Amino acid sequence: MGLQSKNMYDGQFDNILNFRDVGETINDFLGRKLVKEGRIYRSARPDDATMADRQRVKDHYGIKTILDLRTVTEHDKQAKKRAADMRDPVLIESNSALNESMKIPGIKYLEINVNGKGFERSLVWQLSPYSIIKLIGLMGLGYRLEAIGILGRQVLQPRGLIGLGYDTIHHCGPELASVLRTYCSPENYPILAHCTQGKDRTGLTIALILFILEIPIEAISHDYLMSEEKLLPERESRLKEIHEIGLSDDFAGCPVDFIEKIYEYLEDTYGGVGNYLTTIGFTEDERTTLAKELKA
């Protein structure tokens, strides 16, 4: 991945894309302070962070918790990439951090697979019986990426990013509640949340937090849509990845109405954000605690 263009939101990182202080982004957009700054950050995967990046995350931003929302398949793929990178002397010379653990010492890591078992089952049952048998066979033989390709072509692509957002809300309640509870504990802050691109799963969980804080929809949408430009440096490599599992270019972008559609879905299906959060077991007291931590 090439070096990221450096600006105030990117935090002057070399190899961490799509980084920003959500509070700063929201407050700058609205012209008034509604969210505490220096508390809640988001980014794409920080796995290839340079030594300077790692120091900046820990010392400049003071990140105490990194919240990783990726799947087992994504972790497996990243581990294989890391192993290959460590055998490349040119890469090692340009980024000595490749010789270190991917986890930054002194930072707590929490792994919550947002798209967990319930989500996976919901996708599988949309397949034909033949495709289900083929999928199970591939998974049993350890061909996870090939199995994901079946889901990509036959389920993920037809659903689209917005449809998958609906599916995440509907089938991933326990996981989303666990993510939100991370933001209820003062000792976890500042928190950096990420998935692979830091766009959709991260964007959805950040949106739920901002819904709880009653931030205007247009500001939440602005924060989400910033990912489009911030991910441009790795767009070509990302397109190659998504094409491998049968997805179109749209999956590398940000639907302009994603946040609005998610909010409407919560209203129409559950009667509002509050009712949805109650349904998934994230209580009113927990919402109050979260708001106390983040509301300016």
C-alpha atoms as a PDB file:
ATOM      1  CA  MET A   1       0.000   0.000   0.000  1.00  0.00           C
ATOM      2  CA  GLY A   2       1.345   3.439  -0.884  1.00  0.00           C
ATOM      3  CA  LEU A   3       1.801   6.186   1.638  1.00  0.00           C
ATOM      4  CA  GLN A   4      -1.403   7.908   2.608  1.00  0.00           C
ATOM      5  CA  SER A   5      -1.972  11.550   1.751  1.00  0.00           C
ATOM      6  CA  LYS A   6      -1.508  13.427   4.986  1.00  0.00           C
ATOM      7  CA  ASN A   7      -4.066  15.887   6.317  1.00  0.00           C
ATOM      8  CA  MET A   8      -5.556  16.899   9.637  1.00  0.00           C
ATOM      9  CA  TYR A   9      -7.994  13.972   9.760  1.00  0.00           C
ATOM     10  CA  ASP A  10      -5.501  11.306   8.726  1.00  0.00           C
ATOM     11  CA  GLY A  11      -3.324  12.032  11.732  1.00  0.00           C
ATOM     12  CA  GLN A  12      -0.181  12.069   9.549  1.00  0.00           C
ATOM     13  CA  PHE A  13       0.083   8.287   9.324  1.00  0.00           C
ATOM     14  CA  ASP A  14       2.179   6.395   6.811  1.00  0.00           C
ATOM     15  CA  ASN A  15       0.234   3.121   6.617  1.00  0.00           C
ATOM     16  CA  ILE A  16      -3.056   3.606   8.451  1.00  0.00           C
ATOM     17  CA  LEU A  17      -5.863   4.685   6.163  1.00  0.00           C
ATOM     18  CA  ASN A  18      -9.230   6.244   6.915  1.00  0.00           C
ATOM     19  CA  PHE A  19      -8.241   7.486  10.379  1.00  0.00           C
ATOM     20  CA  ARG A  20     -10.172  10.209  12.143  1.00  0.00           C
ATOM     21  CA  ASP A  21     -11.390  11.546  15.454  1.00  0.00           C
ATOM     22  CA  VAL A  22     -15.155  11.119  15.153  1.00  0.00           C
ATOM     23  CA  GLY A  23     -15.861  13.876  17.663  1.00  0.00           C
ATOM     24  CA  GLU A  24     -13.696  16.321  15.737  1.00  0.00           C
ATOM     25  CA  THR A  25     -15.297  15.365  12.429  1.00  0.00           C
ATOM     26  CA  ILE A  26     -18.841  15.810  13.753  1.00  0.00           C
ATOM     27  CA  ASN A  27     -18.118  19.053  15.589  1.00  0.00           C
ATOM     28  CA  ASP A  28     -16.289  20.610  12.627  1.00  0.00           C
ATOM     29  CA  PHE A  29     -19.174  19.751  10.317  1.00  0.00           C
ATOM     30  CA  LEU A  30     -21.844  21.173  12.628  1.00  0.00           C
ATOM     31  CA  GLY A  31     -19.853  24.178  13.802  1.00  0.00           C
ATOM     32  CA  ARG A  32     -20.654  23.360  17.415  1.00  0.00           C
ATOM     33  CA  LYS A  33     -19.380  20.871  19.951  1.00  0.00           C
ATOM     34  CA  LEU A  34     -21.758  17.933  20.499  1.00  0.00           C
ATOM     35  CA  VAL A  35     -19.273  15.056  20.862  1.00  0.00           C
ATOM     36  CA  LYS A  36     -16.219  14.889  23.114  1.00  0.00           C
ATOM     37  CA  GLU A  37     -13.024  14.973  21.086  1.00  0.00           C
ATOM     38  CA  GLY A  38     -10.034  12.715  21.650  1.00  0.00           C
ATOM     39  CA  ARG A  39     -12.255   9.839  22.790  1.00  0.00           C
ATOM     40  CA  ILE A  40     -13.583   7.893  19.821  1.00  0.00           C
ATOM     41  CA  TYR A  41     -11.508   7.178  16.727  1.00  0.00           C
ATOM     42  CA  ARG A  42     -12.032   5.053  13.630  1.00  0.00           C
ATOM     43  CA  SER A  43      -9.768   3.743  10.878  1.00  0.00           C
ATOM     44  CA  ALA A  44      -9.101   0.988   8.379  1.00  0.00           C
ATOM     45  CA  ARG A  45      -7.017  -2.018   9.507  1.00  0.00           C
ATOM     46  CA  PRO A  46      -3.833  -0.836  11.257  1.00  0.00           C
ATOM     47  CA  ASP A  47      -1.969  -4.105  10.599  1.00  0.00           C
ATOM     48  CA  ASP A  48       0.730  -2.564   8.383  1.00  0.00           C
ATOM     49  CA  ALA A  49       1.418   0.404  10.672  1.00  0.00           C
ATOM     50  CA  THR A  50       5.020   1.587  10.644  1.00  0.00           C
ATOM     51  CA  MET A  51       6.973   2.064  13.866  1.00  0.00           C
ATOM     52  CA  ALA A  52       6.202   5.793  13.643  1.00  0.00           C
ATOM     53  CA  ASP A  53       2.504   5.005  13.152  1.00  0.00           C
ATOM     54  CA  ARG A  54       2.472   2.702  16.167  1.00  0.00           C
ATOM     55  CA  GLN A  55       4.124   5.325  18.335  1.00  0.00           C
ATOM     56  CA  ARG A  56       1.675   7.977  17.148  1.00  0.00           C
ATOM     57  CA  VAL A  57      -1.329   5.761  17.926  1.00  0.00           C
ATOM     58  CA  LYS A  58      -0.079   5.049  21.428  1.00  0.00           C
ATOM     59  CA  ASP A  59       1.660   8.255  22.470  1.00  0.00           C
ATOM     60  CA  HIS A  60       0.126  11.104  20.460  1.00  0.00           C
ATOM     61  CA  TYR A  61      -3.479   9.915  20.453  1.00  0.00           C
ATOM     62  CA  GLY A  62      -3.136   7.942  23.671  1.00  0.00           C
ATOM     63  CA  ILE A  63      -5.236   5.055  22.349  1.00  0.00           C
ATOM     64  CA  LYS A  64      -5.902   2.567  25.149  1.00  0.00           C
ATOM     65  CA  THR A  65      -8.206   0.132  23.327  1.00  0.00           C
ATOM     66  CA  ILE A  66      -8.266  -1.078  19.727  1.00  0.00           C
ATOM     67  CA  LEU A  67     -11.607  -2.631  18.809  1.00  0.00           C
ATOM     68  CA  ASP A  68     -11.287  -5.055  15.883  1.00  0.00           C
ATOM     69  CA  LEU A  69     -14.594  -5.906  14.170  1.00  0.00           C
ATOM     70  CA  ARG A  70     -13.285  -8.343  11.537  1.00  0.00           C
ATOM     71  CA  THR A  71     -14.221 -11.942  10.784  1.00  0.00           C
ATOM     72  CA  VAL A  72     -12.133 -15.082  11.281  1.00  0.00           C
ATOM     73  CA  THR A  73     -11.607 -15.249   7.511  1.00  0.00           C
ATOM     74  CA  GLU A  74     -10.214 -11.717   7.464  1.00  0.00           C
ATOM     75  CA  HIS A  75      -7.851 -12.483  10.343  1.00  0.00           C
ATOM     76  CA  ASP A  76      -6.644 -15.628   8.560  1.00  0.00           C
ATOM     77  CA  LYS A  77      -6.039 -13.710   5.353  1.00  0.00           C
ATOM     78  CA  GLN A  78      -4.151 -10.949   7.146  1.00  0.00           C
ATOM     79  CA  ALA A  79      -1.966 -13.485   8.973  1.00  0.00           C
ATOM     80  CA  LYS A  80      -1.005 -15.073   5.633  1.00  0.00           C
ATOM     81  CA  LYS A  81      -0.225 -11.649   4.173  1.00  0.00           C
ATOM     82  CA  ARG A  82       1.935 -10.801   7.179  1.00  0.00           C
ATOM     83  CA  ALA A  83       3.871 -14.053   6.842  1.00  0.00           C
ATOM     84  CA  ALA A  84       4.513 -13.332   3.154  1.00  0.00           C
ATOM     85  CA  ASP A  85       5.556  -9.730   3.858  1.00  0.00           C
ATOM     86  CA  MET A  86       8.079 -10.906   6.460  1.00  0.00           C
ATOM     87  CA  ARG A  87       9.831 -12.936   3.763  1.00  0.00           C
ATOM     88  CA  ASP A  88      10.253  -9.850   1.553  1.00  0.00           C
ATOM     89  CA  PRO A  89      13.534  -8.054   2.396  1.00  0.00           C
ATOM     90  CA  VAL A  90      12.460  -4.903   0.540  1.00  0.00           C
ATOM     91  CA  LEU A  91       9.307  -4.589   2.643  1.00  0.00           C
ATOM     92  CA  ILE A  92      11.209  -5.350   5.847  1.00  0.00           C
ATOM     93  CA  GLU A  93      13.700  -2.605   5.029  1.00  0.00           C
ATOM     94  CA  SER A  94      10.929  -0.076   4.367  1.00  0.00           C
ATOM     95  CA  ASN A  95       8.852  -1.058   7.405  1.00  0.00           C
ATOM     96  CA  SER A  96      10.768  -2.569  10.318  1.00  0.00           C
ATOM     97  CA  ALA A  97       7.487  -2.948  12.238  1.00  0.00           C
ATOM     98  CA  LEU A  98       6.828  -6.071  10.160  1.00  0.00           C
ATOM     99  CA  ASN A  99       9.285  -7.827  12.473  1.00  0.00           C
ATOM    100  CA  GLU A 100       7.122  -6.913  15.463  1.00  0.00           C
ATOM    101  CA  SER A 101       3.838  -8.340  16.696  1.00  0.00           C
ATOM    102  CA  MET A 102       0.863  -6.813  14.896  1.00  0.00           C
ATOM    103  CA  LYS A 103      -0.442  -5.798  18.310  1.00  0.00           C
ATOM    104  CA  ILE A 104       1.063  -2.640  19.774  1.00  0.00           C
ATOM    105  CA  PRO A 105       2.439  -3.264  23.285  1.00  0.00           C
ATOM    106  CA  GLY A 106       0.564  -1.439  26.022  1.00  0.00           C
ATOM    107  CA  ILE A 107      -2.735  -1.271  24.125  1.00  0.00           C
ATOM    108  CA  LYS A 108      -5.703  -3.507  24.923  1.00  0.00           C
ATOM    109  CA  TYR A 109      -7.141  -5.359  21.920  1.00  0.00           C
ATOM    110  CA  LEU A 110     -10.760  -6.467  21.765  1.00  0.00           C
ATOM    111  CA  GLU A 111     -11.926  -8.665  18.885  1.00  0.00           C
ATOM    112  CA  ILE A 112     -15.670  -8.678  18.265  1.00  0.00           C
ATOM    113  CA  ASN A 113     -16.717 -10.298  14.999  1.00  0.00           C
ATOM    114  CA  VAL A 114     -19.722  -8.096  14.263  1.00  0.00           C
ATOM    115  CA  ASN A 115     -20.886 -10.355  11.434  1.00  0.00           C
ATOM    116  CA  GLY A 116     -20.950 -13.476  13.605  1.00  0.00           C
ATOM    117  CA  LYS A 117     -22.773 -16.802  13.497  1.00  0.00           C
ATOM    118  CA  GLY A 118     -26.281 -15.380  13.184  1.00  0.00           C
ATOM    119  CA  PHE A 119     -25.259 -13.253  10.213  1.00  0.00           C
ATOM    120  CA  GLU A 120     -23.419 -16.145   8.565  1.00  0.00           C
ATOM    121  CA  ARG A 121     -26.431 -18.453   8.938  1.00  0.00           C
ATOM    122  CA  SER A 122     -28.746 -15.835   7.439  1.00  0.00           C
ATOM    123  CA  LEU A 123     -26.521 -15.647   4.360  1.00  0.00           C
ATOM    124  CA  VAL A 124     -26.129 -19.405   3.974  1.00  0.00           C
ATOM    125  CA  TRP A 125     -29.868 -20.063   4.062  1.00  0.00           C
ATOM    126  CA  GLN A 126     -30.314 -17.744   1.078  1.00  0.00           C
ATOM    127  CA  LEU A 127     -28.307 -20.210  -1.045  1.00  0.00           C
ATOM    128  CA  SER A 128     -29.709 -23.091  -3.083  1.00  0.00           C
ATOM    129  CA  PRO A 129     -29.364 -26.604  -1.563  1.00  0.00           C
ATOM    130  CA  TYR A 130     -26.610 -27.423  -4.072  1.00  0.00           C
ATOM    131  CA  SER A 131     -24.663 -24.280  -3.190  1.00  0.00           C
ATOM    132  CA  ILE A 132     -25.033 -24.998   0.528  1.00  0.00           C
ATOM    133  CA  ILE A 133     -23.525 -28.477   0.059  1.00  0.00           C
ATOM    134  CA  LYS A 134     -20.679 -27.011  -2.009  1.00  0.00           C
ATOM    135  CA  LEU A 135     -20.090 -24.312   0.599  1.00  0.00           C
ATOM    136  CA  ILE A 136     -19.938 -26.817   3.457  1.00  0.00           C
ATOM    137  CA  GLY A 137     -17.527 -28.980   1.473  1.00  0.00           C
ATOM    138  CA  LEU A 138     -15.173 -26.094   0.786  1.00  0.00           C
ATOM    139  CA  MET A 139     -15.262 -24.948   4.404  1.00  0.00           C
ATOM    140  CA  GLY A 140     -14.577 -28.490   5.593  1.00  0.00           C
ATOM    141  CA  LEU A 141     -11.510 -28.685   3.374  1.00  0.00           C
ATOM    142  CA  GLY A 142     -10.233 -25.354   4.665  1.00  0.00           C
ATOM    143  CA  TYR A 143     -11.006 -23.324   1.536  1.00  0.00           C
ATOM    144  CA  ARG A 144     -12.625 -20.421   3.386  1.00  0.00           C
ATOM    145  CA  LEU A 145     -12.021 -17.777   0.718  1.00  0.00           C
ATOM    146  CA  GLU A 146     -13.462 -19.995  -2.021  1.00  0.00           C
ATOM    147  CA  ALA A 147     -16.509 -20.603   0.158  1.00  0.00           C
ATOM    148  CA  ILE A 148     -16.878 -16.873   0.742  1.00  0.00           C
ATOM    149  CA  GLY A 149     -16.813 -16.470  -3.044  1.00  0.00           C
ATOM    150  CA  ILE A 150     -20.023 -18.504  -3.333  1.00  0.00           C
ATOM    151  CA  LEU A 151     -21.700 -16.239  -0.804  1.00  0.00           C
ATOM    152  CA  GLY A 152     -20.272 -13.180  -2.522  1.00  0.00           C
ATOM    153  CA  ARG A 153     -21.671 -13.953  -5.946  1.00  0.00           C
ATOM    154  CA  GLN A 154     -25.005 -15.433  -4.894  1.00  0.00           C
ATOM    155  CA  VAL A 155     -25.930 -13.452  -1.764  1.00  0.00           C
ATOM    156  CA  LEU A 156     -23.710 -10.475  -0.916  1.00  0.00           C
ATOM    157  CA  GLN A 157     -23.759  -8.916  -4.375  1.00  0.00           C
ATOM    158  CA  PRO A 158     -27.567  -9.064  -4.753  1.00  0.00           C
ATOM    159  CA  ARG A 159     -28.084  -7.644  -1.241  1.00  0.00           C
ATOM    160  CA  GLY A 160     -25.695  -4.720  -1.722  1.00  0.00           C
ATOM    161  CA  LEU A 161     -24.086  -2.699   1.057  1.00  0.00           C
ATOM    162  CA  ILE A 162     -27.333  -1.206   2.312  1.00  0.00           C
ATOM    163  CA  GLY A 163     -29.089  -4.584   2.365  1.00  0.00           C
ATOM    164  CA  LEU A 164     -26.158  -6.076   4.255  1.00  0.00           C
ATOM    165  CA  GLY A 165     -26.426  -3.189   6.695  1.00  0.00           C
ATOM    166  CA  TYR A 166     -30.044  -4.186   7.324  1.00  0.00           C
ATOM    167  CA  ASP A 167     -28.957  -7.815   7.758  1.00  0.00           C
ATOM    168  CA  THR A 168     -26.285  -6.811  10.261  1.00  0.00           C
ATOM    169  CA  ILE A 169     -28.824  -4.895  12.319  1.00  0.00           C
ATOM    170  CA  HIS A 170     -31.327  -7.752  12.204  1.00  0.00           C
ATOM    171  CA  HIS A 171     -29.009 -10.715  12.796  1.00  0.00           C
ATOM    172  CA  CYS A 172     -26.075  -9.280  14.780  1.00  0.00           C
ATOM    173  CA  GLY A 173     -27.782  -7.787  17.817  1.00  0.00           C
ATOM    174  CA  PRO A 174     -25.645  -9.565  20.463  1.00  0.00           C
ATOM    175  CA  GLU A 175     -22.425  -8.576  18.702  1.00  0.00           C
ATOM    176  CA  LEU A 176     -23.520  -4.965  18.252  1.00  0.00           C
ATOM    177  CA  ALA A 177     -24.534  -4.773  21.912  1.00  0.00           C
ATOM    178  CA  SER A 178     -21.069  -6.038  22.884  1.00  0.00           C
ATOM    179  CA  VAL A 179     -19.458  -3.354  20.743  1.00  0.00           C
ATOM    180  CA  LEU A 180     -21.594  -0.633  22.316  1.00  0.00           C
ATOM    181  CA  ARG A 181     -20.754  -1.850  25.827  1.00  0.00           C
ATOM    182  CA  THR A 182     -17.085  -1.252  25.059  1.00  0.00           C
ATOM    183  CA  TYR A 183     -17.945   2.455  24.993  1.00  0.00           C
ATOM    184  CA  CYS A 184     -19.604   2.308  28.422  1.00  0.00           C
ATOM    185  CA  SER A 185     -16.361   1.653  30.324  1.00  0.00           C
ATOM    186  CA  PRO A 186     -14.251   4.749  31.122  1.00  0.00           C
ATOM    187  CA  GLU A 187     -11.060   2.687  31.367  1.00  0.00           C
ATOM    188  CA  ASN A 188     -11.307   1.742  27.663  1.00  0.00           C
ATOM    189  CA  TYR A 189     -10.890   5.299  26.368  1.00  0.00           C
ATOM    190  CA  PRO A 190      -9.608   6.546  23.993  1.00  0.00           C
ATOM    191  CA  ILE A 191     -10.902   3.807  21.662  1.00  0.00           C
ATOM    192  CA  LEU A 192      -9.915   3.121  18.043  1.00  0.00           C
ATOM    193  CA  ALA A 193     -12.461   0.978  16.163  1.00  0.00           C
ATOM    194  CA  HIS A 194     -11.723  -0.633  12.822  1.00  0.00           C
ATOM    195  CA  CYS A 195     -12.727  -3.441  10.470  1.00  0.00           C
ATOM    196  CA  THR A 196     -10.882  -3.962   7.177  1.00  0.00           C
ATOM    197  CA  GLN A 197     -11.669  -0.727   5.360  1.00  0.00           C
ATOM    198  CA  GLY A 198     -13.085   1.024   8.418  1.00  0.00           C
ATOM    199  CA  LYS A 199     -16.104   1.840   6.294  1.00  0.00           C
ATOM    200  CA  ASP A 200     -19.218  -0.325   6.677  1.00  0.00           C
ATOM    201  CA  ARG A 201     -19.096  -2.329   9.916  1.00  0.00           C
ATOM    202  CA  THR A 202     -17.139   0.435  11.606  1.00  0.00           C
ATOM    203  CA  GLY A 203     -19.455   3.000  10.038  1.00  0.00           C
ATOM    204  CA  LEU A 204     -22.563   1.173  11.244  1.00  0.00           C
ATOM    205  CA  THR A 205     -21.344   0.822  14.830  1.00  0.00           C
ATOM    206  CA  ILE A 206     -20.201   4.446  14.949  1.00  0.00           C
ATOM    207  CA  ALA A 207     -23.599   5.473  13.547  1.00  0.00           C
ATOM    208  CA  LEU A 208     -25.399   3.601  16.340  1.00  0.00           C
ATOM    209  CA  ILE A 209     -23.285   5.458  18.900  1.00  0.00           C
ATOM    210  CA  LEU A 210     -24.056   8.788  17.252  1.00  0.00           C
ATOM    211  CA  PHE A 211     -27.769   7.910  17.065  1.00  0.00           C
ATOM    212  CA  ILE A 212     -27.668   7.374  20.839  1.00  0.00           C
ATOM    213  CA  LEU A 213     -26.047  10.809  21.212  1.00  0.00           C
ATOM    214  CA  GLU A 214     -28.857  12.261  19.039  1.00  0.00           C
ATOM    215  CA  ILE A 215     -26.421  13.726  16.528  1.00  0.00           C
ATOM    216  CA  PRO A 216     -28.095  15.137  13.371  1.00  0.00           C
ATOM    217  CA  ILE A 217     -28.318  12.572  10.574  1.00  0.00           C
ATOM    218  CA  GLU A 218     -26.533  14.807   8.076  1.00  0.00           C
ATOM    219  CA  ALA A 219     -23.475  14.985  10.360  1.00  0.00           C
ATOM    220  CA  ILE A 220     -23.397  11.201  10.836  1.00  0.00           C
ATOM    221  CA  SER A 221     -23.680  10.754   7.074  1.00  0.00           C
ATOM    222  CA  HIS A 222     -20.826  13.222   6.551  1.00  0.00           C
ATOM    223  CA  ASP A 223     -18.585  11.184   8.847  1.00  0.00           C
ATOM    224  CA  TYR A 224     -19.501   7.945   7.049  1.00  0.00           C
ATOM    225  CA  LEU A 225     -18.989   9.362   3.555  1.00  0.00           C
ATOM    226  CA  MET A 226     -15.512  10.669   4.396  1.00  0.00           C
ATOM    227  CA  SER A 227     -14.317   7.079   3.970  1.00  0.00           C
ATOM    228  CA  GLU A 228     -14.835   7.286   0.199  1.00  0.00           C
ATOM    229  CA  GLU A 229     -11.967   9.723  -0.306  1.00  0.00           C
ATOM    230  CA  LYS A 230      -9.803   8.438   2.527  1.00  0.00           C
ATOM    231  CA  LEU A 231      -9.675   4.929   1.046  1.00  0.00           C
ATOM    232  CA  LEU A 232      -8.614   6.054  -2.441  1.00  0.00           C
ATOM    233  CA  PRO A 233      -4.914   5.173  -1.880  1.00  0.00           C
ATOM    234  CA  GLU A 234      -5.763   1.459  -1.699  1.00  0.00           C
ATOM    235  CA  ARG A 235      -8.764   1.414  -4.024  1.00  0.00           C
ATOM    236  CA  GLU A 236      -7.067  -0.648  -6.738  1.00  0.00           C
ATOM    237  CA  SER A 237      -5.856  -3.347  -4.357  1.00  0.00           C
ATOM    238  CA  ARG A 238      -9.232  -3.363  -2.620  1.00  0.00           C
ATOM    239  CA  LEU A 239     -11.048  -3.795  -5.946  1.00  0.00           C
ATOM    240  CA  LYS A 240      -8.885  -6.818  -6.680  1.00  0.00           C
ATOM    241  CA  GLU A 241      -9.834  -8.338  -3.306  1.00  0.00           C
ATOM    242  CA  ILE A 242     -13.561  -7.817  -3.725  1.00  0.00           C
ATOM    243  CA  HIS A 243     -13.550  -9.036  -7.329  1.00  0.00           C
ATOM    244  CA  GLU A 244     -11.980 -12.292  -6.110  1.00  0.00           C
ATOM    245  CA  ILE A 245     -15.106 -13.038  -4.095  1.00  0.00           C
ATOM    246  CA  GLY A 246     -17.546 -12.013  -6.815  1.00  0.00           C
ATOM    247  CA  LEU A 247     -18.371  -8.483  -5.720  1.00  0.00           C
ATOM    248  CA  SER A 248     -18.688  -5.368  -7.877  1.00  0.00           C
ATOM    249  CA  ASP A 249     -16.870  -2.037  -7.593  1.00  0.00           C
ATOM    250  CA  ASP A 250     -19.777  -0.656  -5.548  1.00  0.00           C
ATOM    251  CA  PHE A 251     -18.529  -2.597  -2.532  1.00  0.00           C
ATOM    252  CA  ALA A 252     -15.393  -0.438  -2.435  1.00  0.00           C
ATOM    253  CA  GLY A 253     -17.448   2.740  -2.110  1.00  0.00           C
ATOM    254  CA  CYS A 254     -19.904   4.411   0.236  1.00  0.00           C
ATOM    255  CA  PRO A 255     -23.602   4.582  -0.740  1.00  0.00           C
ATOM    256  CA  VAL A 256     -24.565   8.235  -0.342  1.00  0.00           C
ATOM    257  CA  ASP A 257     -27.792   7.346   1.475  1.00  0.00           C
ATOM    258  CA  PHE A 258     -26.392   4.555   3.684  1.00  0.00           C
ATOM    259  CA  ILE A 259     -26.909   6.317   7.025  1.00  0.00           C
ATOM    260  CA  GLU A 260     -30.342   7.639   6.085  1.00  0.00           C
ATOM    261  CA  LYS A 261     -31.467   4.173   4.984  1.00  0.00           C
ATOM    262  CA  ILE A 262     -30.160   2.558   8.181  1.00  0.00           C
ATOM    263  CA  TYR A 263     -32.024   5.111  10.299  1.00  0.00           C
ATOM    264  CA  GLU A 264     -35.228   4.588   8.296  1.00  0.00           C
ATOM    265  CA  TYR A 265     -34.885   0.808   8.679  1.00  0.00           C
ATOM    266  CA  LEU A 266     -34.613   1.147  12.457  1.00  0.00           C
ATOM    267  CA  GLU A 267     -37.666   3.404  12.491  1.00  0.00           C
ATOM    268  CA  ASP A 268     -39.794   1.265  10.174  1.00  0.00           C
ATOM    269  CA  THR A 269     -38.798  -2.181  11.495  1.00  0.00           C
ATOM    270  CA  TYR A 270     -38.268  -1.582  15.209  1.00  0.00           C
ATOM    271  CA  GLY A 271     -40.069   1.665  15.910  1.00  0.00           C
ATOM    272  CA  GLY A 272     -36.870   3.620  16.410  1.00  0.00           C
ATOM    273  CA  VAL A 273     -33.299   3.408  17.633  1.00  0.00           C
ATOM    274  CA  GLY A 274     -34.278   3.125  21.297  1.00  0.00           C
ATOM    275  CA  ASN A 275     -36.628   0.206  20.710  1.00  0.00           C
ATOM    276  CA  TYR A 276     -34.015  -1.578  18.632  1.00  0.00           C
ATOM    277  CA  LEU A 277     -31.358  -1.182  21.309  1.00  0.00           C
ATOM    278  CA  THR A 278     -33.771  -2.525  23.917  1.00  0.00           C
ATOM    279  CA  THR A 279     -34.477  -5.495  21.634  1.00  0.00           C
ATOM    280  CA  ILE A 280     -30.782  -6.412  21.434  1.00  0.00           C
ATOM    281  CA  GLY A 281     -30.326  -6.040  25.188  1.00  0.00           C
ATOM    282  CA  PHE A 282     -28.511  -2.704  25.283  1.00  0.00           C
ATOM    283  CA  THR A 283     -30.423  -1.088  28.125  1.00  0.00           C
ATOM    284  CA  GLU A 284     -31.502   2.481  28.724  1.00  0.00           C
ATOM    285  CA  ASP A 285     -29.065   2.704  31.655  1.00  0.00           C
ATOM    286  CA  GLU A 286     -26.238   1.576  29.376  1.00  0.00           C
ATOM    287  CA  ARG A 287     -27.238   4.204  26.815  1.00  0.00           C
ATOM    288  CA  THR A 288     -27.108   6.861  29.525  1.00  0.00           C
ATOM    289  CA  THR A 289     -23.652   5.666  30.571  1.00  0.00           C
ATOM    290  CA  LEU A 290     -22.398   5.721  26.977  1.00  0.00           C
ATOM    291  CA  ALA A 291     -23.795   9.214  26.429  1.00  0.00           C
ATOM    292  CA  LYS A 292     -22.088  10.434  29.609  1.00  0.00           C
ATOM    293  CA  GLU A 293     -18.751   9.250  28.227  1.00  0.00           C
ATOM    294  CA  LEU A 294     -19.138  10.857  24.809  1.00  0.00           C
ATOM    295  CA  LYS A 295     -21.615  13.730  24.859  1.00  0.00           C
ATOM    296  CA  ALA A 296     -19.917  17.125  25.043  1.00  0.00           C
END
